[in-house]
Amino acid sequence: MQSAPELLSSVFGFDAFRPGQEEIVNAVIAGRNTLAIMPTGGGKSLCYQLPALVREGVTVVISPLIALMRDQVRGLREAGVAAGALTSGNTEEETDAVFRALDAGELKLLYMAPERLASGGTVNLLRRIGVGLIAVDEAHCVSQWGHDFRPDYLEIGKLRRALGVPLAAFTATADAETRAEIVSRLFDGQPPETF
């Protein structure tokens, strides 16, 4: 198994971390609940994609942005990383291929839209495939104070409890009220390591 710095170079093509990334990556790899507030373009996705390759099990990435998920899956596959997405934007063939790869134990990253969490079979599926980490992109969507509130995001805290795995939440925007709501809803009020 390659180390995080080796994977940074061999898979992602970077010689060094951007400022702040290495500390976040190390916290996520170590399995600590993490909240990272990073500017847009600050390299949030690397902070869960790289740990996914180091940690055991499948990393589930929950994001409301279907186009972004598709781009990330495409980029990861081009880099040789086994990734797939279950979203409403999938064709039936794409969804079938993801389920086959999950059943075969081939995926390291599974991207999901938050709406899928409401499906009764989702928790059982995630238990069956051996999820080791939940990553939440656009974590501010959990906040009813924000303009991007998504009710499906309220299921993520329940999912974390059901699976008993660490959670890493990422957002570019979070005032004090929003941060408090993220901690309450995603981490049951137990303060995560915050960056």
N, C-alpha and C. Protein backbone atom coordinates (compact mmCIF):
# COMPACT_ATOMS: atom_id res chain seq x y z
N MET A 1 0.86 -1.20 0.00
CA MET A 1 0.00 0.00 0.00
C MET A 1 0.89 1.25 0.00
N GLN A 2 0.60 2.14 -0.92
CA GLN A 2 1.39 3.38 -1.00
C GLN A 2 0.96 4.34 0.11
N SER A 3 1.89 5.22 0.50
CA SER A 3 1.59 6.24 1.50
C SER A 3 0.83 7.39 0.84
N ALA A 4 0.27 8.27 1.67
CA ALA A 4 -0.47 9.42 1.13
C ALA A 4 0.40 10.28 0.21
N PRO A 5 1.64 10.63 0.61
CA PRO A 5 2.46 11.44 -0.31
C PRO A 5 2.77 10.71 -1.63
N GLU A 6 2.96 9.38 -1.56
CA GLU A 6 3.22 8.62 -2.79
C GLU A 6 1.99 8.63 -3.69
N LEU A 7 0.80 8.44 -3.10
CA LEU A 7 -0.43 8.46 -3.88
C LEU A 7 -0.71 9.86 -4.45
N LEU A 8 -0.36 10.88 -3.69
CA LEU A 8 -0.53 12.25 -4.15
C LEU A 8 0.17 12.44 -5.49
N SER A 9 1.36 11.85 -5.59
CA SER A 9 2.14 11.96 -6.82
C SER A 9 1.69 10.95 -7.87
N SER A 10 1.60 9.66 -7.50
CA SER A 10 1.37 8.61 -8.50
C SER A 10 -0.05 8.61 -9.07
N VAL A 11 -1.05 8.94 -8.25
CA VAL A 11 -2.44 8.92 -8.72
C VAL A 11 -2.90 10.31 -9.15
N PHE A 12 -2.61 11.31 -8.31
CA PHE A 12 -3.17 12.65 -8.56
C PHE A 12 -2.22 13.58 -9.30
N GLY A 13 -0.94 13.19 -9.40
CA GLY A 13 0.01 13.97 -10.20
C GLY A 13 0.51 15.24 -9.55
N PHE A 14 0.43 15.33 -8.22
CA PHE A 14 0.91 16.53 -7.52
C PHE A 14 2.19 16.21 -6.76
N ASP A 15 3.12 17.16 -6.76
CA ASP A 15 4.38 16.98 -6.02
C ASP A 15 4.23 17.32 -4.55
N ALA A 16 3.25 18.17 -4.23
CA ALA A 16 3.09 18.61 -2.84
C ALA A 16 1.63 18.95 -2.59
N PHE A 17 1.26 18.90 -1.31
CA PHE A 17 -0.08 19.32 -0.92
C PHE A 17 -0.20 20.84 -1.02
N ARG A 18 -1.41 21.31 -1.22
CA ARG A 18 -1.69 22.75 -1.10
C ARG A 18 -1.74 23.07 0.39
N PRO A 19 -1.60 24.35 0.75
CA PRO A 19 -1.66 24.71 2.17
C PRO A 19 -2.94 24.22 2.82
N GLY A 20 -2.79 23.53 3.97
CA GLY A 20 -3.93 23.05 4.73
C GLY A 20 -4.40 21.65 4.36
N GLN A 21 -4.07 21.19 3.15
CA GLN A 21 -4.58 19.88 2.73
C GLN A 21 -3.99 18.72 3.53
N GLU A 22 -2.70 18.75 3.79
CA GLU A 22 -2.05 17.60 4.41
C GLU A 22 -2.62 17.30 5.80
N GLU A 23 -2.88 18.35 6.59
CA GLU A 23 -3.43 18.16 7.93
C GLU A 23 -4.82 17.53 7.86
N ILE A 24 -5.62 17.98 6.91
CA ILE A 24 -6.97 17.43 6.74
C ILE A 24 -6.89 15.98 6.29
N VAL A 25 -6.07 15.69 5.30
CA VAL A 25 -5.90 14.33 4.79
C VAL A 25 -5.48 13.40 5.92
N ASN A 26 -4.52 13.84 6.73
CA ASN A 26 -4.03 12.99 7.84
C ASN A 26 -5.12 12.72 8.86
N ALA A 27 -5.94 13.73 9.17
CA ALA A 27 -7.04 13.54 10.13
C ALA A 27 -8.06 12.54 9.58
N VAL A 28 -8.39 12.66 8.29
CA VAL A 28 -9.37 11.76 7.68
C VAL A 28 -8.81 10.34 7.60
N ILE A 29 -7.55 10.20 7.22
CA ILE A 29 -6.93 8.87 7.16
C ILE A 29 -6.97 8.22 8.54
N ALA A 30 -6.71 9.03 9.59
CA ALA A 30 -6.68 8.51 10.96
C ALA A 30 -8.06 8.12 11.47
N GLY A 31 -9.11 8.46 10.71
CA GLY A 31 -10.46 8.08 11.11
C GLY A 31 -11.09 9.02 12.11
N ARG A 32 -10.61 10.27 12.15
CA ARG A 32 -11.21 11.26 13.05
C ARG A 32 -12.35 11.97 12.32
N ASN A 33 -13.46 12.17 13.01
CA ASN A 33 -14.53 12.99 12.44
C ASN A 33 -13.96 14.37 12.15
N THR A 34 -14.21 14.86 10.94
CA THR A 34 -13.53 16.06 10.46
C THR A 34 -14.51 17.01 9.80
N LEU A 35 -14.35 18.31 10.08
CA LEU A 35 -15.07 19.36 9.36
C LEU A 35 -14.02 20.28 8.76
N ALA A 36 -14.01 20.38 7.44
CA ALA A 36 -13.03 21.21 6.74
C ALA A 36 -13.75 22.31 5.99
N ILE A 37 -13.41 23.54 6.32
CA ILE A 37 -13.96 24.70 5.62
C ILE A 37 -12.85 25.25 4.75
N MET A 38 -13.01 25.05 3.45
CA MET A 38 -11.96 25.40 2.50
C MET A 38 -12.55 26.24 1.39
N PRO A 39 -11.79 27.18 0.87
CA PRO A 39 -12.32 28.01 -0.21
C PRO A 39 -12.58 27.20 -1.46
N THR A 40 -13.53 27.66 -2.27
CA THR A 40 -13.78 27.04 -3.57
C THR A 40 -12.47 27.01 -4.35
N GLY A 41 -12.15 25.87 -4.92
CA GLY A 41 -10.89 25.74 -5.63
C GLY A 41 -9.71 25.41 -4.74
N GLY A 42 -9.98 25.18 -3.44
CA GLY A 42 -8.91 24.90 -2.48
C GLY A 42 -8.48 23.45 -2.44
N GLY A 43 -9.13 22.60 -3.22
CA GLY A 43 -8.72 21.20 -3.27
C GLY A 43 -9.43 20.32 -2.27
N LYS A 44 -10.73 20.58 -2.05
CA LYS A 44 -11.50 19.78 -1.08
C LYS A 44 -11.56 18.31 -1.50
N SER A 45 -11.81 18.05 -2.79
CA SER A 45 -12.04 16.67 -3.21
C SER A 45 -10.83 15.78 -2.93
N LEU A 46 -9.63 16.31 -3.08
CA LEU A 46 -8.44 15.51 -2.78
C LEU A 46 -8.44 15.07 -1.31
N CYS A 47 -9.03 15.88 -0.44
CA CYS A 47 -9.00 15.61 1.01
C CYS A 47 -9.89 14.44 1.40
N TYR A 48 -10.75 13.96 0.51
CA TYR A 48 -11.45 12.69 0.78
C TYR A 48 -11.07 11.61 -0.23
N GLN A 49 -10.68 12.01 -1.45
CA GLN A 49 -10.32 11.00 -2.43
C GLN A 49 -9.03 10.27 -2.05
N LEU A 50 -8.03 11.02 -1.61
CA LEU A 50 -6.76 10.40 -1.25
C LEU A 50 -6.92 9.48 -0.02
N PRO A 51 -7.57 9.94 1.07
CA PRO A 51 -7.78 9.02 2.20
C PRO A 51 -8.56 7.76 1.80
N ALA A 52 -9.47 7.88 0.84
CA ALA A 52 -10.24 6.71 0.39
C ALA A 52 -9.32 5.61 -0.13
N LEU A 53 -8.19 6.01 -0.71
CA LEU A 53 -7.26 5.03 -1.27
C LEU A 53 -6.37 4.41 -0.20
N VAL A 54 -6.22 5.10 0.92
CA VAL A 54 -5.37 4.61 2.01
C VAL A 54 -6.18 3.75 2.99
N ARG A 55 -7.42 4.16 3.25
CA ARG A 55 -8.24 3.49 4.25
C ARG A 55 -8.85 2.19 3.72
N GLU A 56 -9.19 1.31 4.64
CA GLU A 56 -9.89 0.08 4.29
C GLU A 56 -11.34 0.41 3.91
N GLY A 57 -11.92 -0.41 3.06
CA GLY A 57 -13.34 -0.28 2.74
C GLY A 57 -13.63 0.75 1.68
N VAL A 58 -14.92 0.95 1.45
CA VAL A 58 -15.41 1.88 0.44
C VAL A 58 -15.67 3.23 1.11
N THR A 59 -15.30 4.29 0.44
CA THR A 59 -15.65 5.64 0.90
C THR A 59 -16.88 6.08 0.13
N VAL A 60 -17.93 6.45 0.87
CA VAL A 60 -19.15 6.98 0.25
C VAL A 60 -19.04 8.50 0.26
N VAL A 61 -19.19 9.10 -0.91
CA VAL A 61 -19.14 10.56 -1.04
C VAL A 61 -20.56 11.04 -1.34
N ILE A 62 -21.10 11.87 -0.46
CA ILE A 62 -22.45 12.39 -0.64
C ILE A 62 -22.34 13.83 -1.12
N SER A 63 -22.91 14.10 -2.28
CA SER A 63 -22.84 15.43 -2.87
C SER A 63 -24.14 15.73 -3.60
N PRO A 64 -24.58 16.99 -3.57
CA PRO A 64 -25.81 17.34 -4.29
C PRO A 64 -25.56 17.70 -5.75
N LEU A 65 -24.31 17.71 -6.17
CA LEU A 65 -23.95 18.23 -7.49
C LEU A 65 -23.65 17.08 -8.45
N ILE A 66 -24.65 16.67 -9.22
CA ILE A 66 -24.52 15.50 -10.08
C ILE A 66 -23.41 15.70 -11.12
N ALA A 67 -23.35 16.86 -11.75
CA ALA A 67 -22.33 17.09 -12.77
C ALA A 67 -20.93 16.99 -12.17
N LEU A 68 -20.76 17.54 -10.97
CA LEU A 68 -19.46 17.47 -10.30
C LEU A 68 -19.09 16.02 -9.97
N MET A 69 -20.07 15.25 -9.48
CA MET A 69 -19.80 13.85 -9.18
C MET A 69 -19.36 13.10 -10.43
N ARG A 70 -20.06 13.33 -11.53
CA ARG A 70 -19.72 12.64 -12.78
C ARG A 70 -18.31 13.01 -13.22
N ASP A 71 -17.95 14.29 -13.10
CA ASP A 71 -16.60 14.74 -13.47
C ASP A 71 -15.55 14.07 -12.60
N GLN A 72 -15.84 14.00 -11.28
CA GLN A 72 -14.86 13.40 -10.37
C GLN A 72 -14.70 11.90 -10.64
N VAL A 73 -15.80 11.21 -10.87
CA VAL A 73 -15.72 9.78 -11.18
C VAL A 73 -14.91 9.57 -12.46
N ARG A 74 -15.19 10.39 -13.47
CA ARG A 74 -14.45 10.26 -14.74
C ARG A 74 -12.95 10.50 -14.51
N GLY A 75 -12.62 11.54 -13.76
CA GLY A 75 -11.21 11.85 -13.49
C GLY A 75 -10.52 10.75 -12.70
N LEU A 76 -11.22 10.20 -11.70
CA LEU A 76 -10.65 9.12 -10.90
C LEU A 76 -10.41 7.88 -11.75
N ARG A 77 -11.38 7.55 -12.58
CA ARG A 77 -11.23 6.36 -13.45
C ARG A 77 -10.05 6.54 -14.40
N GLU A 78 -9.92 7.76 -14.94
CA GLU A 78 -8.79 8.03 -15.85
C GLU A 78 -7.46 7.88 -15.13
N ALA A 79 -7.46 8.12 -13.80
CA ALA A 79 -6.24 7.97 -12.99
C ALA A 79 -6.06 6.55 -12.48
N GLY A 80 -6.98 5.65 -12.87
CA GLY A 80 -6.86 4.26 -12.47
C GLY A 80 -7.52 3.91 -11.15
N VAL A 81 -8.37 4.80 -10.63
CA VAL A 81 -9.05 4.57 -9.36
C VAL A 81 -10.45 4.02 -9.65
N ALA A 82 -10.84 2.97 -8.93
CA ALA A 82 -12.16 2.36 -9.11
C ALA A 82 -13.20 3.21 -8.38
N ALA A 83 -13.99 3.95 -9.16
CA ALA A 83 -15.01 4.84 -8.60
C ALA A 83 -16.28 4.72 -9.42
N GLY A 84 -17.42 4.97 -8.76
CA GLY A 84 -18.70 4.94 -9.45
C GLY A 84 -19.66 5.88 -8.76
N ALA A 85 -20.79 6.16 -9.42
CA ALA A 85 -21.78 7.06 -8.86
C ALA A 85 -23.17 6.48 -9.03
N LEU A 86 -24.00 6.70 -8.01
CA LEU A 86 -25.42 6.36 -8.07
C LEU A 86 -26.20 7.66 -7.96
N THR A 87 -26.65 8.16 -9.10
CA THR A 87 -27.40 9.42 -9.12
C THR A 87 -28.55 9.30 -10.10
N SER A 88 -29.45 10.27 -10.03
CA SER A 88 -30.57 10.30 -10.97
C SER A 88 -30.10 10.58 -12.39
N GLY A 89 -28.86 11.01 -12.55
CA GLY A 89 -28.31 11.28 -13.88
C GLY A 89 -27.79 10.03 -14.57
N ASN A 90 -27.76 8.90 -13.86
CA ASN A 90 -27.25 7.65 -14.45
C ASN A 90 -28.24 7.07 -15.46
N THR A 91 -27.67 6.40 -16.45
CA THR A 91 -28.49 5.53 -17.28
C THR A 91 -28.69 4.23 -16.51
N GLU A 92 -29.64 3.43 -16.93
CA GLU A 92 -29.85 2.13 -16.28
C GLU A 92 -28.59 1.27 -16.37
N GLU A 93 -27.90 1.34 -17.52
CA GLU A 93 -26.67 0.57 -17.71
C GLU A 93 -25.59 1.01 -16.73
N GLU A 94 -25.46 2.34 -16.54
CA GLU A 94 -24.46 2.85 -15.60
C GLU A 94 -24.75 2.37 -14.18
N THR A 95 -26.01 2.44 -13.79
CA THR A 95 -26.40 2.00 -12.44
C THR A 95 -26.13 0.51 -12.27
N ASP A 96 -26.49 -0.30 -13.26
CA ASP A 96 -26.23 -1.74 -13.19
C ASP A 96 -24.73 -2.02 -13.07
N ALA A 97 -23.91 -1.28 -13.80
CA ALA A 97 -22.46 -1.48 -13.76
C ALA A 97 -21.92 -1.14 -12.37
N VAL A 98 -22.44 -0.09 -11.74
CA VAL A 98 -21.99 0.29 -10.39
C VAL A 98 -22.36 -0.81 -9.41
N PHE A 99 -23.60 -1.32 -9.48
CA PHE A 99 -24.00 -2.38 -8.56
C PHE A 99 -23.16 -3.65 -8.77
N ARG A 100 -22.84 -3.97 -10.01
CA ARG A 100 -21.98 -5.14 -10.27
C ARG A 100 -20.60 -4.95 -9.64
N ALA A 101 -20.04 -3.75 -9.82
CA ALA A 101 -18.71 -3.46 -9.26
C ALA A 101 -18.74 -3.50 -7.73
N LEU A 102 -19.82 -2.99 -7.13
CA LEU A 102 -19.95 -3.04 -5.67
C LEU A 102 -20.03 -4.48 -5.19
N ASP A 103 -20.85 -5.28 -5.87
CA ASP A 103 -21.01 -6.70 -5.48
C ASP A 103 -19.70 -7.46 -5.61
N ALA A 104 -18.87 -7.05 -6.56
CA ALA A 104 -17.59 -7.73 -6.78
C ALA A 104 -16.49 -7.18 -5.87
N GLY A 105 -16.82 -6.16 -5.07
CA GLY A 105 -15.82 -5.57 -4.17
C GLY A 105 -14.76 -4.77 -4.89
N GLU A 106 -15.12 -4.18 -6.02
CA GLU A 106 -14.12 -3.50 -6.86
C GLU A 106 -14.02 -1.99 -6.65
N LEU A 107 -15.03 -1.35 -6.05
CA LEU A 107 -14.99 0.11 -5.94
C LEU A 107 -14.33 0.58 -4.65
N LYS A 108 -13.57 1.68 -4.74
CA LYS A 108 -13.01 2.34 -3.56
C LYS A 108 -13.83 3.58 -3.20
N LEU A 109 -14.42 4.24 -4.19
CA LEU A 109 -15.24 5.43 -3.95
C LEU A 109 -16.59 5.26 -4.61
N LEU A 110 -17.63 5.52 -3.84
CA LEU A 110 -19.01 5.49 -4.34
C LEU A 110 -19.64 6.85 -4.08
N TYR A 111 -19.95 7.56 -5.16
CA TYR A 111 -20.61 8.86 -5.06
C TYR A 111 -22.12 8.66 -5.06
N MET A 112 -22.79 9.38 -4.19
CA MET A 112 -24.25 9.27 -4.11
C MET A 112 -24.87 10.64 -3.92
N ALA A 113 -26.00 10.86 -4.57
CA ALA A 113 -26.80 12.05 -4.29
C ALA A 113 -27.53 11.83 -2.97
N PRO A 114 -27.75 12.88 -2.20
CA PRO A 114 -28.38 12.70 -0.88
C PRO A 114 -29.78 12.09 -0.95
N GLU A 115 -30.48 12.26 -2.07
CA GLU A 115 -31.83 11.72 -2.19
C GLU A 115 -31.85 10.19 -2.04
N ARG A 116 -30.74 9.54 -2.39
CA ARG A 116 -30.68 8.08 -2.30
C ARG A 116 -30.73 7.59 -0.86
N LEU A 117 -30.39 8.46 0.09
CA LEU A 117 -30.36 8.05 1.50
C LEU A 117 -31.76 7.73 2.01
N ALA A 118 -32.77 8.29 1.35
CA ALA A 118 -34.15 8.04 1.78
C ALA A 118 -34.63 6.65 1.35
N SER A 119 -33.92 6.05 0.40
CA SER A 119 -34.32 4.73 -0.09
C SER A 119 -34.06 3.68 0.99
N GLY A 120 -35.03 2.84 1.23
CA GLY A 120 -34.95 1.85 2.31
C GLY A 120 -33.76 0.92 2.20
N GLY A 121 -33.34 0.60 0.99
CA GLY A 121 -32.26 -0.38 0.84
C GLY A 121 -30.86 0.20 0.93
N THR A 122 -30.75 1.53 1.01
CA THR A 122 -29.42 2.14 0.93
C THR A 122 -28.53 1.75 2.10
N VAL A 123 -29.05 1.82 3.33
CA VAL A 123 -28.21 1.49 4.49
C VAL A 123 -27.75 0.04 4.41
N ASN A 124 -28.66 -0.87 4.03
CA ASN A 124 -28.27 -2.27 3.89
C ASN A 124 -27.20 -2.46 2.82
N LEU A 125 -27.35 -1.76 1.70
CA LEU A 125 -26.35 -1.82 0.64
C LEU A 125 -25.00 -1.37 1.18
N LEU A 126 -24.97 -0.23 1.87
CA LEU A 126 -23.71 0.33 2.35
C LEU A 126 -23.07 -0.57 3.41
N ARG A 127 -23.90 -1.20 4.24
CA ARG A 127 -23.36 -2.16 5.21
C ARG A 127 -22.72 -3.34 4.47
N ARG A 128 -23.43 -3.83 3.46
CA ARG A 128 -22.98 -5.02 2.73
C ARG A 128 -21.64 -4.79 2.02
N ILE A 129 -21.44 -3.60 1.47
CA ILE A 129 -20.22 -3.35 0.69
C ILE A 129 -19.04 -2.95 1.56
N GLY A 130 -19.26 -2.75 2.86
CA GLY A 130 -18.14 -2.46 3.76
C GLY A 130 -17.66 -1.02 3.70
N VAL A 131 -18.57 -0.08 3.93
CA VAL A 131 -18.19 1.33 3.95
C VAL A 131 -17.27 1.60 5.15
N GLY A 132 -16.18 2.30 4.90
CA GLY A 132 -15.24 2.64 5.96
C GLY A 132 -15.21 4.11 6.30
N LEU A 133 -15.81 4.96 5.43
CA LEU A 133 -15.76 6.41 5.63
C LEU A 133 -16.90 7.04 4.85
N ILE A 134 -17.50 8.06 5.44
CA ILE A 134 -18.48 8.89 4.73
C ILE A 134 -17.86 10.26 4.53
N ALA A 135 -17.88 10.74 3.31
CA ALA A 135 -17.44 12.11 3.01
C ALA A 135 -18.65 12.90 2.52
N VAL A 136 -18.83 14.09 3.06
CA VAL A 136 -19.98 14.93 2.70
C VAL A 136 -19.45 16.20 2.06
N ASP A 137 -19.76 16.37 0.78
CA ASP A 137 -19.38 17.60 0.09
C ASP A 137 -20.55 18.58 0.22
N GLU A 138 -20.24 19.87 0.20
CA GLU A 138 -21.27 20.91 0.33
C GLU A 138 -22.05 20.73 1.65
N ALA A 139 -21.32 20.51 2.74
CA ALA A 139 -21.95 20.19 4.02
C ALA A 139 -22.86 21.31 4.53
N HIS A 140 -22.68 22.52 4.02
CA HIS A 140 -23.57 23.62 4.46
C HIS A 140 -25.03 23.35 4.06
N CYS A 141 -25.26 22.41 3.13
CA CYS A 141 -26.63 22.10 2.71
C CYS A 141 -27.46 21.50 3.85
N VAL A 142 -26.80 21.10 4.95
CA VAL A 142 -27.53 20.57 6.10
C VAL A 142 -28.18 21.70 6.91
N SER A 143 -27.75 22.92 6.66
CA SER A 143 -28.20 24.03 7.49
C SER A 143 -29.48 24.67 6.97
N GLN A 144 -30.45 24.76 7.87
CA GLN A 144 -31.70 25.42 7.50
C GLN A 144 -31.55 26.94 7.45
N TRP A 145 -30.38 27.42 7.87
CA TRP A 145 -30.12 28.86 7.79
C TRP A 145 -29.68 29.27 6.39
N GLY A 146 -29.22 28.29 5.61
CA GLY A 146 -28.63 28.62 4.31
C GLY A 146 -29.62 28.54 3.17
N HIS A 147 -29.23 29.11 2.05
CA HIS A 147 -30.11 29.11 0.86
C HIS A 147 -30.05 27.78 0.12
N ASP A 148 -29.08 26.93 0.46
CA ASP A 148 -28.92 25.65 -0.23
C ASP A 148 -29.48 24.47 0.56
N PHE A 149 -30.31 24.72 1.56
CA PHE A 149 -30.80 23.66 2.44
C PHE A 149 -31.40 22.51 1.64
N ARG A 150 -30.97 21.28 1.97
CA ARG A 150 -31.48 20.07 1.32
C ARG A 150 -31.98 19.12 2.41
N PRO A 151 -33.27 18.89 2.50
CA PRO A 151 -33.79 18.04 3.58
C PRO A 151 -33.15 16.65 3.61
N ASP A 152 -32.73 16.13 2.44
CA ASP A 152 -32.11 14.80 2.41
C ASP A 152 -30.80 14.77 3.20
N TYR A 153 -30.16 15.93 3.36
CA TYR A 153 -28.91 15.99 4.12
C TYR A 153 -29.13 15.65 5.59
N LEU A 154 -30.37 15.78 6.06
CA LEU A 154 -30.66 15.47 7.46
C LEU A 154 -30.52 13.98 7.74
N GLU A 155 -30.52 13.15 6.69
CA GLU A 155 -30.37 11.70 6.85
C GLU A 155 -28.92 11.27 7.08
N ILE A 156 -27.98 12.16 6.81
CA ILE A 156 -26.57 11.77 6.85
C ILE A 156 -26.12 11.41 8.27
N GLY A 157 -26.56 12.18 9.26
CA GLY A 157 -26.21 11.86 10.64
C GLY A 157 -26.70 10.48 11.04
N LYS A 158 -27.93 10.15 10.62
CA LYS A 158 -28.48 8.81 10.90
C LYS A 158 -27.64 7.74 10.21
N LEU A 159 -27.23 8.02 8.99
CA LEU A 159 -26.41 7.06 8.24
C LEU A 159 -25.08 6.83 8.97
N ARG A 160 -24.45 7.90 9.44
CA ARG A 160 -23.17 7.76 10.16
C ARG A 160 -23.36 6.87 11.39
N ARG A 161 -24.44 7.11 12.13
CA ARG A 161 -24.70 6.31 13.34
C ARG A 161 -24.97 4.84 12.95
N ALA A 162 -25.74 4.63 11.89
CA ALA A 162 -26.10 3.26 11.48
C ALA A 162 -24.87 2.47 11.05
N LEU A 163 -23.92 3.14 10.38
CA LEU A 163 -22.75 2.43 9.86
C LEU A 163 -21.60 2.40 10.87
N GLY A 164 -21.61 3.35 11.82
CA GLY A 164 -20.55 3.40 12.82
C GLY A 164 -19.18 3.70 12.24
N VAL A 165 -19.15 4.61 11.27
CA VAL A 165 -17.88 4.96 10.62
C VAL A 165 -17.61 6.46 10.77
N PRO A 166 -16.36 6.87 10.60
CA PRO A 166 -16.06 8.30 10.68
C PRO A 166 -16.67 9.06 9.51
N LEU A 167 -16.85 10.36 9.74
CA LEU A 167 -17.44 11.23 8.73
C LEU A 167 -16.54 12.44 8.55
N ALA A 168 -16.30 12.79 7.29
CA ALA A 168 -15.55 14.00 6.95
C ALA A 168 -16.47 14.91 6.15
N ALA A 169 -16.69 16.12 6.66
CA ALA A 169 -17.61 17.06 6.02
C ALA A 169 -16.81 18.23 5.46
N PHE A 170 -17.19 18.65 4.25
CA PHE A 170 -16.45 19.71 3.56
C PHE A 170 -17.41 20.78 3.06
N THR A 171 -17.01 22.02 3.21
CA THR A 171 -17.80 23.12 2.67
C THR A 171 -16.90 24.32 2.43
N ALA A 172 -17.32 25.19 1.53
CA ALA A 172 -16.58 26.43 1.29
C ALA A 172 -17.17 27.57 2.10
N THR A 173 -18.43 27.43 2.51
CA THR A 173 -19.10 28.52 3.20
C THR A 173 -19.73 28.01 4.47
N ALA A 174 -19.36 28.63 5.58
CA ALA A 174 -20.00 28.25 6.84
C ALA A 174 -19.75 29.32 7.88
N ASP A 175 -20.80 30.12 8.13
CA ASP A 175 -20.70 31.07 9.23
C ASP A 175 -20.89 30.30 10.53
N ALA A 176 -20.80 31.00 11.64
CA ALA A 176 -20.85 30.34 12.95
C ALA A 176 -22.14 29.54 13.13
N GLU A 177 -23.26 30.12 12.70
CA GLU A 177 -24.56 29.44 12.85
C GLU A 177 -24.60 28.15 12.03
N THR A 178 -24.10 28.24 10.80
CA THR A 178 -24.09 27.07 9.92
C THR A 178 -23.16 26.00 10.46
N ARG A 179 -21.97 26.41 10.94
CA ARG A 179 -21.03 25.44 11.52
C ARG A 179 -21.67 24.71 12.69
N ALA A 180 -22.35 25.47 13.55
CA ALA A 180 -23.00 24.85 14.72
C ALA A 180 -24.05 23.84 14.26
N GLU A 181 -24.78 24.17 13.21
CA GLU A 181 -25.81 23.25 12.73
C GLU A 181 -25.19 22.01 12.08
N ILE A 182 -24.08 22.18 11.37
CA ILE A 182 -23.38 21.03 10.80
C ILE A 182 -22.95 20.08 11.92
N VAL A 183 -22.36 20.63 12.97
CA VAL A 183 -21.89 19.81 14.09
C VAL A 183 -23.06 19.09 14.75
N SER A 184 -24.16 19.80 14.93
CA SER A 184 -25.33 19.21 15.56
C SER A 184 -25.93 18.09 14.72
N ARG A 185 -26.09 18.32 13.43
CA ARG A 185 -26.81 17.39 12.57
C ARG A 185 -25.96 16.23 12.05
N LEU A 186 -24.69 16.49 11.77
CA LEU A 186 -23.85 15.44 11.21
C LEU A 186 -23.05 14.69 12.26
N PHE A 187 -22.71 15.39 13.35
CA PHE A 187 -21.81 14.81 14.35
C PHE A 187 -22.47 14.68 15.72
N ASP A 188 -23.79 14.76 15.78
CA ASP A 188 -24.53 14.62 17.04
C ASP A 188 -24.03 15.57 18.12
N GLY A 189 -23.56 16.74 17.71
CA GLY A 189 -23.12 17.74 18.67
C GLY A 189 -21.75 17.49 19.23
N GLN A 190 -21.10 16.38 18.85
CA GLN A 190 -19.70 16.11 19.30
C GLN A 190 -18.76 16.83 18.36
N PRO A 191 -18.05 17.85 18.82
CA PRO A 191 -17.24 18.64 17.90
C PRO A 191 -16.22 17.80 17.15
N PRO A 192 -16.22 17.87 15.82
CA PRO A 192 -15.21 17.16 15.04
C PRO A 192 -13.92 17.96 15.03
N GLU A 193 -12.87 17.35 14.53
CA GLU A 193 -11.65 18.11 14.29
C GLU A 193 -11.97 19.09 13.17
N THR A 194 -11.70 20.36 13.40
CA THR A 194 -12.13 21.39 12.45
C THR A 194 -10.93 22.13 11.87
N PHE A 195 -10.99 22.31 10.56
CA PHE A 195 -9.90 23.01 9.85
C PHE A 195 -10.46 24.18 9.08
